[in-house]
Amino acid sequence: MPSLSRRCAMEVDTFRKRDRFWKYAEHLDGKFKCKFCGRIFAGGVPRVKSHSSGIKGGDIDTCTKVPEDIQDAVEACSGGEEK
């Protein structure tokens, strides 16, 4: 099985048009709705990742309803800053 970072790279569509973390949010034309907590935020996939990771920062509240395995995957793909 490939390493987690290798899986991150493999799961991003060609030219990074559709990041795999969009599956955790509904895209709303310049905004997104978290599929775990239902909150709506402005921004794109970097903010989806910040919200879903449990990592403070990114100028966005973290989601308290994201399962830990998803938080770990987001953190591994986005550099793993401090929670």
PDB file of N, CA and C in Angstrom:
ATOM      1  N   MET A   1       0.847  -1.184   0.000  1.00  0.00           N
ATOM      2  CA  MET A   1       0.000   0.000   0.000  1.00  0.00           C
ATOM      3  C   MET A   1       0.887   1.240   0.000  1.00  0.00           C
ATOM      4  N   PRO A   2       0.583   2.260  -0.836  1.00  0.00           N
ATOM      5  CA  PRO A   2       1.406   3.467  -0.875  1.00  0.00           C
ATOM      6  C   PRO A   2       1.307   4.228   0.442  1.00  0.00           C
ATOM      7  N   SER A   3       2.328   5.032   0.726  1.00  0.00           N
ATOM      8  CA  SER A   3       2.318   5.851   1.930  1.00  0.00           C
ATOM      9  C   SER A   3       1.174   6.856   1.848  1.00  0.00           C
ATOM     10  N   LEU A   4       0.824   7.447   3.001  1.00  0.00           N
ATOM     11  CA  LEU A   4      -0.272   8.406   3.045  1.00  0.00           C
ATOM     12  C   LEU A   4       0.006   9.592   2.134  1.00  0.00           C
ATOM     13  N   SER A   5       1.236  10.112   2.132  1.00  0.00           N
ATOM     14  CA  SER A   5       1.542  11.252   1.276  1.00  0.00           C
ATOM     15  C   SER A   5       1.461  10.870  -0.193  1.00  0.00           C
ATOM     16  N   ARG A   6       1.837   9.647  -0.534  1.00  0.00           N
ATOM     17  CA  ARG A   6       1.738   9.178  -1.922  1.00  0.00           C
ATOM     18  C   ARG A   6       0.272   9.040  -2.323  1.00  0.00           C
ATOM     19  N   ARG A   7      -0.555   8.531  -1.413  1.00  0.00           N
ATOM     20  CA  ARG A   7      -1.984   8.424  -1.698  1.00  0.00           C
ATOM     21  C   ARG A   7      -2.596   9.801  -1.900  1.00  0.00           C
ATOM     22  N   CYS A   8      -2.122  10.808  -1.135  1.00  0.00           N
ATOM     23  CA  CYS A   8      -2.614  12.176  -1.297  1.00  0.00           C
ATOM     24  C   CYS A   8      -2.365  12.644  -2.718  1.00  0.00           C
ATOM     25  N   ALA A   9      -1.168  12.430  -3.189  1.00  0.00           N
ATOM     26  CA  ALA A   9      -0.807  12.860  -4.535  1.00  0.00           C
ATOM     27  C   ALA A   9      -1.612  12.099  -5.583  1.00  0.00           C
ATOM     28  N   MET A  10      -1.843  10.812  -5.352  1.00  0.00           N
ATOM     29  CA  MET A  10      -2.545   9.991  -6.325  1.00  0.00           C
ATOM     30  C   MET A  10      -4.032  10.343  -6.401  1.00  0.00           C
ATOM     31  N   GLU A  11      -4.596  10.873  -5.320  1.00  0.00           N
ATOM     32  CA  GLU A  11      -6.025  11.114  -5.272  1.00  0.00           C
ATOM     33  C   GLU A  11      -6.413  12.513  -5.735  1.00  0.00           C
ATOM     34  N   VAL A  12      -5.464  13.297  -6.200  1.00  0.00           N
ATOM     35  CA  VAL A  12      -5.775  14.610  -6.749  1.00  0.00           C
ATOM     36  C   VAL A  12      -5.876  14.440  -8.256  1.00  0.00           C
ATOM     37  N   ASP A  13      -6.985  14.839  -8.834  1.00  0.00           N
ATOM     38  CA  ASP A  13      -7.197  14.684 -10.263  1.00  0.00           C
ATOM     39  C   ASP A  13      -6.136  15.442 -11.055  1.00  0.00           C
ATOM     40  N   THR A  14      -6.014  15.117 -12.318  1.00  0.00           N
ATOM     41  CA  THR A  14      -5.051  15.735 -13.212  1.00  0.00           C
ATOM     42  C   THR A  14      -5.116  17.252 -13.120  1.00  0.00           C
ATOM     43  N   PHE A  15      -3.950  17.878 -13.017  1.00  0.00           N
ATOM     44  CA  PHE A  15      -3.789  19.324 -12.938  1.00  0.00           C
ATOM     45  C   PHE A  15      -4.467  19.936 -11.712  1.00  0.00           C
ATOM     46  N   ARG A  16      -4.761  19.119 -10.723  1.00  0.00           N
ATOM     47  CA  ARG A  16      -5.345  19.591  -9.472  1.00  0.00           C
ATOM     48  C   ARG A  16      -6.660  20.344  -9.660  1.00  0.00           C
ATOM     49  N   LYS A  17      -7.419  19.987 -10.667  1.00  0.00           N
ATOM     50  CA  LYS A  17      -8.705  20.639 -10.904  1.00  0.00           C
ATOM     51  C   LYS A  17      -9.721  20.274  -9.827  1.00  0.00           C
ATOM     52  N   ARG A  18      -9.644  19.066  -9.330  1.00  0.00           N
ATOM     53  CA  ARG A  18     -10.636  18.604  -8.364  1.00  0.00           C
ATOM     54  C   ARG A  18      -9.916  17.899  -7.225  1.00  0.00           C
ATOM     55  N   ASP A  19      -9.639  18.613  -6.178  1.00  0.00           N
ATOM     56  CA  ASP A  19      -8.963  18.045  -5.019  1.00  0.00           C
ATOM     57  C   ASP A  19      -9.882  17.049  -4.331  1.00  0.00           C
ATOM     58  N   ARG A  20      -9.313  15.966  -3.822  1.00  0.00           N
ATOM     59  CA  ARG A  20     -10.134  14.918  -3.210  1.00  0.00           C
ATOM     60  C   ARG A  20     -10.904  15.394  -1.989  1.00  0.00           C
ATOM     61  N   PHE A  21     -10.482  16.474  -1.363  1.00  0.00           N
ATOM     62  CA  PHE A  21     -11.153  16.937  -0.151  1.00  0.00           C
ATOM     63  C   PHE A  21     -12.468  17.659  -0.429  1.00  0.00           C
ATOM     64  N   TRP A  22     -12.770  17.908  -1.704  1.00  0.00           N
ATOM     65  CA  TRP A  22     -14.087  18.450  -2.044  1.00  0.00           C
ATOM     66  C   TRP A  22     -15.192  17.460  -1.702  1.00  0.00           C
ATOM     67  N   LYS A  23     -14.862  16.184  -1.551  1.00  0.00           N
ATOM     68  CA  LYS A  23     -15.929  15.226  -1.225  1.00  0.00           C
ATOM     69  C   LYS A  23     -16.487  15.447   0.181  1.00  0.00           C
ATOM     70  N   TYR A  24     -15.811  16.262   0.978  1.00  0.00           N
ATOM     71  CA  TYR A  24     -16.276  16.554   2.329  1.00  0.00           C
ATOM     72  C   TYR A  24     -17.016  17.885   2.411  1.00  0.00           C
ATOM     73  N   ALA A  25     -17.196  18.547   1.253  1.00  0.00           N
ATOM     74  CA  ALA A  25     -17.885  19.832   1.234  1.00  0.00           C
ATOM     75  C   ALA A  25     -18.692  19.955  -0.045  1.00  0.00           C
ATOM     76  N   GLU A  26     -19.764  20.690   0.043  1.00  0.00           N
ATOM     77  CA  GLU A  26     -20.578  20.985  -1.132  1.00  0.00           C
ATOM     78  C   GLU A  26     -20.123  22.316  -1.701  1.00  0.00           C
ATOM     79  N   HIS A  27     -19.732  22.341  -2.971  1.00  0.00           N
ATOM     80  CA  HIS A  27     -19.249  23.557  -3.621  1.00  0.00           C
ATOM     81  C   HIS A  27     -20.438  24.447  -3.957  1.00  0.00           C
ATOM     82  N   LEU A  28     -20.386  25.708  -3.511  1.00  0.00           N
ATOM     83  CA  LEU A  28     -21.513  26.629  -3.700  1.00  0.00           C
ATOM     84  C   LEU A  28     -21.069  27.921  -4.375  1.00  0.00           C
ATOM     85  N   ASP A  29     -20.428  27.851  -5.534  1.00  0.00           N
ATOM     86  CA  ASP A  29     -20.038  29.038  -6.305  1.00  0.00           C
ATOM     87  C   ASP A  29     -19.306  30.079  -5.458  1.00  0.00           C
ATOM     88  N   GLY A  30     -18.074  29.789  -5.117  1.00  0.00           N
ATOM     89  CA  GLY A  30     -17.260  30.706  -4.315  1.00  0.00           C
ATOM     90  C   GLY A  30     -17.373  30.474  -2.823  1.00  0.00           C
ATOM     91  N   LYS A  31     -18.236  29.575  -2.443  1.00  0.00           N
ATOM     92  CA  LYS A  31     -18.422  29.204  -1.041  1.00  0.00           C
ATOM     93  C   LYS A  31     -18.465  27.689  -0.963  1.00  0.00           C
ATOM     94  N   PHE A  32     -18.450  27.174   0.255  1.00  0.00           N
ATOM     95  CA  PHE A  32     -18.648  25.743   0.433  1.00  0.00           C
ATOM     96  C   PHE A  32     -19.428  25.486   1.703  1.00  0.00           C
ATOM     97  N   LYS A  33     -20.120  24.359   1.708  1.00  0.00           N
ATOM     98  CA  LYS A  33     -20.887  23.919   2.874  1.00  0.00           C
ATOM     99  C   LYS A  33     -20.257  22.627   3.370  1.00  0.00           C
ATOM    100  N   CYS A  34     -19.851  22.615   4.620  1.00  0.00           N
ATOM    101  CA  CYS A  34     -19.249  21.436   5.232  1.00  0.00           C
ATOM    102  C   CYS A  34     -20.300  20.335   5.339  1.00  0.00           C
ATOM    103  N   LYS A  35     -19.957  19.132   4.878  1.00  0.00           N
ATOM    104  CA  LYS A  35     -20.895  18.007   4.929  1.00  0.00           C
ATOM    105  C   LYS A  35     -21.002  17.401   6.326  1.00  0.00           C
ATOM    106  N   PHE A  36     -20.133  17.828   7.236  1.00  0.00           N
ATOM    107  CA  PHE A  36     -20.185  17.294   8.600  1.00  0.00           C
ATOM    108  C   PHE A  36     -20.984  18.197   9.537  1.00  0.00           C
ATOM    109  N   CYS A  37     -20.740  19.495   9.476  1.00  0.00           N
ATOM    110  CA  CYS A  37     -21.410  20.400  10.410  1.00  0.00           C
ATOM    111  C   CYS A  37     -22.474  21.274   9.750  1.00  0.00           C
ATOM    112  N   GLY A  38     -22.470  21.345   8.404  1.00  0.00           N
ATOM    113  CA  GLY A  38     -23.475  22.117   7.699  1.00  0.00           C
ATOM    114  C   GLY A  38     -23.214  23.606   7.605  1.00  0.00           C
ATOM    115  N   ARG A  39     -22.105  24.072   8.157  1.00  0.00           N
ATOM    116  CA  ARG A  39     -21.796  25.499   8.090  1.00  0.00           C
ATOM    117  C   ARG A  39     -21.330  25.880   6.697  1.00  0.00           C
ATOM    118  N   ILE A  40     -21.575  27.125   6.324  1.00  0.00           N
ATOM    119  CA  ILE A  40     -21.196  27.643   5.013  1.00  0.00           C
ATOM    120  C   ILE A  40     -20.087  28.681   5.192  1.00  0.00           C
ATOM    121  N   PHE A  41     -19.048  28.572   4.349  1.00  0.00           N
ATOM    122  CA  PHE A  41     -17.904  29.470   4.387  1.00  0.00           C
ATOM    123  C   PHE A  41     -17.569  29.941   2.980  1.00  0.00           C
ATOM    124  N   ALA A  42     -16.970  31.116   2.875  1.00  0.00           N
ATOM    125  CA  ALA A  42     -16.423  31.581   1.606  1.00  0.00           C
ATOM    126  C   ALA A  42     -15.088  30.881   1.390  1.00  0.00           C
ATOM    127  N   GLY A  43     -14.736  30.681   0.123  1.00  0.00           N
ATOM    128  CA  GLY A  43     -13.418  30.142  -0.179  1.00  0.00           C
ATOM    129  C   GLY A  43     -13.455  28.831  -0.929  1.00  0.00           C
ATOM    130  N   GLY A  44     -12.262  28.292  -1.117  1.00  0.00           N
ATOM    131  CA  GLY A  44     -12.092  27.071  -1.882  1.00  0.00           C
ATOM    132  C   GLY A  44     -11.483  25.964  -1.054  1.00  0.00           C
ATOM    133  N   VAL A  45     -10.836  25.039  -1.756  1.00  0.00           N
ATOM    134  CA  VAL A  45     -10.335  23.827  -1.098  1.00  0.00           C
ATOM    135  C   VAL A  45      -9.298  24.095   0.000  1.00  0.00           C
ATOM    136  N   PRO A  46      -8.441  25.121  -0.082  1.00  0.00           N
ATOM    137  CA  PRO A  46      -7.547  25.351   1.060  1.00  0.00           C
ATOM    138  C   PRO A  46      -8.317  25.604   2.361  1.00  0.00           C
ATOM    139  N   ARG A  47      -9.425  26.304   2.256  1.00  0.00           N
ATOM    140  CA  ARG A  47     -10.239  26.557   3.448  1.00  0.00           C
ATOM    141  C   ARG A  47     -11.039  25.328   3.853  1.00  0.00           C
ATOM    142  N   VAL A  48     -11.454  24.513   2.885  1.00  0.00           N
ATOM    143  CA  VAL A  48     -12.089  23.228   3.204  1.00  0.00           C
ATOM    144  C   VAL A  48     -11.118  22.407   4.046  1.00  0.00           C
ATOM    145  N   LYS A  49      -9.863  22.349   3.619  1.00  0.00           N
ATOM    146  CA  LYS A  49      -8.845  21.580   4.337  1.00  0.00           C
ATOM    147  C   LYS A  49      -8.609  22.154   5.728  1.00  0.00           C
ATOM    148  N   SER A  50      -8.497  23.487   5.822  1.00  0.00           N
ATOM    149  CA  SER A  50      -8.293  24.106   7.133  1.00  0.00           C
ATOM    150  C   SER A  50      -9.453  23.804   8.063  1.00  0.00           C
ATOM    151  N   HIS A  51     -10.663  23.923   7.558  1.00  0.00           N
ATOM    152  CA  HIS A  51     -11.858  23.662   8.368  1.00  0.00           C
ATOM    153  C   HIS A  51     -11.935  22.195   8.792  1.00  0.00           C
ATOM    154  N   SER A  52     -11.580  21.287   7.898  1.00  0.00           N
ATOM    155  CA  SER A  52     -11.728  19.849   8.143  1.00  0.00           C
ATOM    156  C   SER A  52     -10.589  19.231   8.938  1.00  0.00           C
ATOM    157  N   SER A  53      -9.466  19.918   9.010  1.00  0.00           N
ATOM    158  CA  SER A  53      -8.268  19.326   9.605  1.00  0.00           C
ATOM    159  C   SER A  53      -8.227  19.361  11.127  1.00  0.00           C
ATOM    160  N   GLY A  54      -8.951  20.288  11.712  1.00  0.00           N
ATOM    161  CA  GLY A  54      -8.829  20.472  13.155  1.00  0.00           C
ATOM    162  C   GLY A  54      -7.624  21.317  13.512  1.00  0.00           C
ATOM    163  N   ILE A  55      -6.900  21.816  12.502  1.00  0.00           N
ATOM    164  CA  ILE A  55      -5.725  22.658  12.713  1.00  0.00           C
ATOM    165  C   ILE A  55      -6.173  24.113  12.751  1.00  0.00           C
ATOM    166  N   LYS A  56      -5.847  24.803  13.823  1.00  0.00           N
ATOM    167  CA  LYS A  56      -6.220  26.209  13.945  1.00  0.00           C
ATOM    168  C   LYS A  56      -5.431  27.029  12.935  1.00  0.00           C
ATOM    169  N   GLY A  57      -6.084  28.036  12.380  1.00  0.00           N
ATOM    170  CA  GLY A  57      -5.445  28.897  11.384  1.00  0.00           C
ATOM    171  C   GLY A  57      -6.261  28.910  10.119  1.00  0.00           C
ATOM    172  N   GLY A  58      -5.693  29.484   9.074  1.00  0.00           N
ATOM    173  CA  GLY A  58      -6.415  29.546   7.816  1.00  0.00           C
ATOM    174  C   GLY A  58      -7.588  30.502   7.885  1.00  0.00           C
ATOM    175  N   ASP A  59      -7.658  31.297   8.960  1.00  0.00           N
ATOM    176  CA  ASP A  59      -8.718  32.280   9.140  1.00  0.00           C
ATOM    177  C   ASP A  59     -10.107  31.657   9.004  1.00  0.00           C
ATOM    178  N   ILE A  60     -10.266  30.455   9.604  1.00  0.00           N
ATOM    179  CA  ILE A  60     -11.551  29.751   9.530  1.00  0.00           C
ATOM    180  C   ILE A  60     -11.703  28.880  10.781  1.00  0.00           C
ATOM    181  N   ASP A  61     -12.928  28.756  11.267  1.00  0.00           N
ATOM    182  CA  ASP A  61     -13.188  27.877  12.409  1.00  0.00           C
ATOM    183  C   ASP A  61     -12.971  26.423  11.997  1.00  0.00           C
ATOM    184  N   THR A  62     -12.494  25.629  12.933  1.00  0.00           N
ATOM    185  CA  THR A  62     -12.333  24.206  12.648  1.00  0.00           C
ATOM    186  C   THR A  62     -13.645  23.478  12.927  1.00  0.00           C
ATOM    187  N   CYS A  63     -13.855  22.395  12.207  1.00  0.00           N
ATOM    188  CA  CYS A  63     -15.058  21.595  12.369  1.00  0.00           C
ATOM    189  C   CYS A  63     -14.849  20.605  13.508  1.00  0.00           C
ATOM    190  N   THR A  64     -15.817  20.541  14.406  1.00  0.00           N
ATOM    191  CA  THR A  64     -15.729  19.622  15.540  1.00  0.00           C
ATOM    192  C   THR A  64     -16.418  18.290  15.251  1.00  0.00           C
ATOM    193  N   LYS A  65     -16.997  18.148  14.057  1.00  0.00           N
ATOM    194  CA  LYS A  65     -17.751  16.936  13.726  1.00  0.00           C
ATOM    195  C   LYS A  65     -17.050  16.044  12.707  1.00  0.00           C
ATOM    196  N   VAL A  66     -15.860  16.430  12.263  1.00  0.00           N
ATOM    197  CA  VAL A  66     -15.112  15.635  11.286  1.00  0.00           C
ATOM    198  C   VAL A  66     -14.508  14.419  11.990  1.00  0.00           C
ATOM    199  N   PRO A  67     -14.659  13.224  11.442  1.00  0.00           N
ATOM    200  CA  PRO A  67     -14.038  12.039  12.034  1.00  0.00           C
ATOM    201  C   PRO A  67     -12.509  12.164  12.071  1.00  0.00           C
ATOM    202  N   GLU A  68     -11.907  11.574  13.068  1.00  0.00           N
ATOM    203  CA  GLU A  68     -10.460  11.689  13.274  1.00  0.00           C
ATOM    204  C   GLU A  68      -9.642  11.181  12.086  1.00  0.00           C
ATOM    205  N   ASP A  69     -10.090  10.111  11.422  1.00  0.00           N
ATOM    206  CA  ASP A  69      -9.325   9.594  10.286  1.00  0.00           C
ATOM    207  C   ASP A  69      -9.277  10.601   9.140  1.00  0.00           C
ATOM    208  N   ILE A  70     -10.334  11.366   8.972  1.00  0.00           N
ATOM    209  CA  ILE A  70     -10.344  12.392   7.932  1.00  0.00           C
ATOM    210  C   ILE A  70      -9.461  13.564   8.345  1.00  0.00           C
ATOM    211  N   GLN A  71      -9.527  13.959   9.609  1.00  0.00           N
ATOM    212  CA  GLN A  71      -8.626  15.005  10.101  1.00  0.00           C
ATOM    213  C   GLN A  71      -7.179  14.617   9.854  1.00  0.00           C
ATOM    214  N   ASP A  72      -6.825  13.376  10.144  1.00  0.00           N
ATOM    215  CA  ASP A  72      -5.452  12.905   9.954  1.00  0.00           C
ATOM    216  C   ASP A  72      -5.046  12.947   8.482  1.00  0.00           C
ATOM    217  N   ALA A  73      -5.951  12.557   7.590  1.00  0.00           N
ATOM    218  CA  ALA A  73      -5.648  12.569   6.157  1.00  0.00           C
ATOM    219  C   ALA A  73      -5.444  13.997   5.655  1.00  0.00           C
ATOM    220  N   VAL A  74      -6.303  14.916   6.096  1.00  0.00           N
ATOM    221  CA  VAL A  74      -6.160  16.314   5.685  1.00  0.00           C
ATOM    222  C   VAL A  74      -4.847  16.876   6.210  1.00  0.00           C
ATOM    223  N   GLU A  75      -4.554  16.605   7.463  1.00  0.00           N
ATOM    224  CA  GLU A  75      -3.318  17.109   8.072  1.00  0.00           C
ATOM    225  C   GLU A  75      -2.096  16.577   7.320  1.00  0.00           C
ATOM    226  N   ALA A  76      -2.097  15.312   6.966  1.00  0.00           N
ATOM    227  CA  ALA A  76      -0.954  14.716   6.265  1.00  0.00           C
ATOM    228  C   ALA A  76      -0.759  15.345   4.892  1.00  0.00           C
ATOM    229  N   CYS A  77      -1.841  15.698   4.234  1.00  0.00           N
ATOM    230  CA  CYS A  77      -1.757  16.282   2.886  1.00  0.00           C
ATOM    231  C   CYS A  77      -1.484  17.765   2.876  1.00  0.00           C
ATOM    232  N   SER A  78      -1.671  18.413   4.005  1.00  0.00           N
ATOM    233  CA  SER A  78      -1.495  19.853   4.012  1.00  0.00           C
ATOM    234  C   SER A  78      -0.325  20.326   4.868  1.00  0.00           C
ATOM    235  N   GLY A  79       0.566  19.449   5.206  1.00  0.00           N
ATOM    236  CA  GLY A  79       1.782  19.857   5.895  1.00  0.00           C
ATOM    237  C   GLY A  79       1.786  19.632   7.383  1.00  0.00           C
ATOM    238  N   GLY A  80       0.662  19.309   7.983  1.00  0.00           N
ATOM    239  CA  GLY A  80       0.620  18.928   9.396  1.00  0.00           C
ATOM    240  C   GLY A  80       1.044  19.991  10.364  1.00  0.00           C
ATOM    241  N   GLU A  81       0.378  21.154  10.333  1.00  0.00           N
ATOM    242  CA  GLU A  81       0.674  22.187  11.299  1.00  0.00           C
ATOM    243  C   GLU A  81       0.155  21.752  12.668  1.00  0.00           C
ATOM    244  N   GLU A  82       0.447  22.544  13.671  1.00  0.00           N
ATOM    245  CA  GLU A  82       0.067  22.196  15.037  1.00  0.00           C
ATOM    246  C   GLU A  82      -1.419  22.438  15.290  1.00  0.00           C
ATOM    247  N   LYS A  83      -2.071  21.491  15.966  1.00  0.00           N
ATOM    248  CA  LYS A  83      -3.494  21.627  16.309  1.00  0.00           C
ATOM    249  C   LYS A  83      -3.659  22.573  17.488  1.00  0.00           C
TER     250      LYS A  83
END
